[in-house]
Amino acid sequence: MTAKDQQPESEQTLNRILGRDARAQALGVPEQEPNEFDGDQQDLADRAALQRVPGLSTQLEDISEVEYRELQLEKVVLIGLWGENSHQVAENSIRELAALSETAGAQVLDGLLQRRFHPDPATYLGKGKAEELRALVRSVGADTVIADTELAPSQRRALEDVVKVKVIDRTAIILEIFAQHAKSKEGKAQVELAQLEYLLPRLRGWGESMSRQAGGRAAGGEGIGSRGPGETKIELDRRRIRNRMAKLRKQISGMKPARETKRANRNRTQIPSVAIAGYTNAGKSSLLNRLTSAGVLVQNALFATLDPTVRHTKTPDGREYTLSDTVGFVRNLPHQLVEAFRSTLEEIADSDLILHIVDASHPDPGSQIETVRKVIADVDASKIDEVIVFNKSDLVDDATVVALRSMHPNCVFVSSRTGDGIEKLKQVIAEHLPHPNIQVKVLVPYNRGELVSRMHLNSEIQVLDYREDGTYIEALVKEDLASDLKSYLV
């Protein structure tokens, strides 16, 4: 038996995940260059333009006063628990946390997996494991510890007191990635609101910074009994954060009408809509680019897409529809983000069809499907038709295809990289979109060209003939358009 075989399963897991050469290999998918459908991908250069400066310590002993704890990741150690779920689930989760950390710009140095069924209420890890974590942090020179689940404020503070470096959790990492990748004004406001909601119960200061009080004559040294102690600094911070949150909510609500107007314009012309939803890094943007040549940013990283993209395209029989690329989901997606991005996720709730994109090469696609469906249910979109699309089919073998097809018989296998299965997917989309079902024969005068345009958008035109007194059309149309064409029936 080799030394490797004698290692506990948790250590073998971490060695397998952390022993890698390239960024984002924790995702389990090799880096690939964008293809001709992905455009210039200039945003990749923008994201790489700002680099972190090594050697800037964020250890607790160096911080005397904190008003707003900005997340500054350099060298991190991961911690997680294994007990409630299988070892495979624990490995997938810690692998995903490593990928999240790398996407946020951190260097993952090491990790600890503890087998226990419930987190320690005080320090998340047990007392002995917390001391072991402190020694590990010192030996590798880490400045941050990242927990694989969301920590209670008391757990985070207690663990920080033991390990003497900053401790954050999975939620904080996801919020940081969203903050880095948001581009639109609405997206930035949504992320900041989610960050502040997360930060508010977790404010903390060190030293004497939180004991200062001011207000009335107490600030002049006349004593507490004069006019009251005023506000402590942490109370002042909380008040500022609440004021900022109220302002952001007002801004986001003010942006909603513009999005609703665009959606109403699409609804007025009766153009069917298809929403692309799925787990982060499943290949949603790549598929959008393959179907529409949208040129949307493609990156082998988690949450590469935050701002929704809507593009027009046509079914093989010529009917026009819109295709919307939405933000990806992830296991334990912070509820603050679901609420903050509710207006964005309404693109899913208002669609006629959901393309649920799944990474066929992922070791546990079933859990990803379950996670996405939970979020879809949260935005009241469960009743909308859904098509499971297994992407990255070029990375899996025939046995995997058979197994996945047995679980989801009506699924479609595609590869946005090679183009395999794309034509089949287009046919499936056409079958699921609402069909016009009223046969009309009309002669439309040339001064009613808008009716002809509407027929081209969402009707099945069978005969088109330009005559002296107008445009003769035989077509299948929807009910509302048929009523507008009554005057021109022949």
Foldseek 3Di string as FASTA:
>chain_A
DDPLVVDPPQQNLFCVLQVDDDALCLVVDDDDDDDPLQPPLVVVVVLVVDADDPDPAQFQVVAAWDLDDDDDAEEEEEEEEDEQDDPVVVSNLVSVLSQLCVLLPYRYDYYYYYYDNFADLAARHDPVVLLVVLVVCVVRVGQEYEYSAADDLRNQVRSCVRNRHHYGYPQVSVLSSQCSQDDDPLSNLLSLLLVLVVCLVNDDGDDCQQVQFDDDCVNVVPDCPPPHRHHGSNRVSNVVSVVSNVVSVVVNVVCLVVVVVVVVVCVVLPAAEEEEAFAFQLCLSLLVSLQASPSDNDDSGGFNDAQKDKDWDAFPLQAIHIYIYHTHFDPCHPVSSLVSCLSRCVSLQPHQEYEYRFALPDPCRPVRVVRRLVSCVVSVRNPHHYEYEHEPPVVDDPVSVVVVCVVPVRHFYAYSVVGPRSSVVSVVVVVRTDAQADWFWFFDAPVVVVLVVSCSHGWRWDDWDQDDGGITTIIRHHDVSVVVRVVGTD
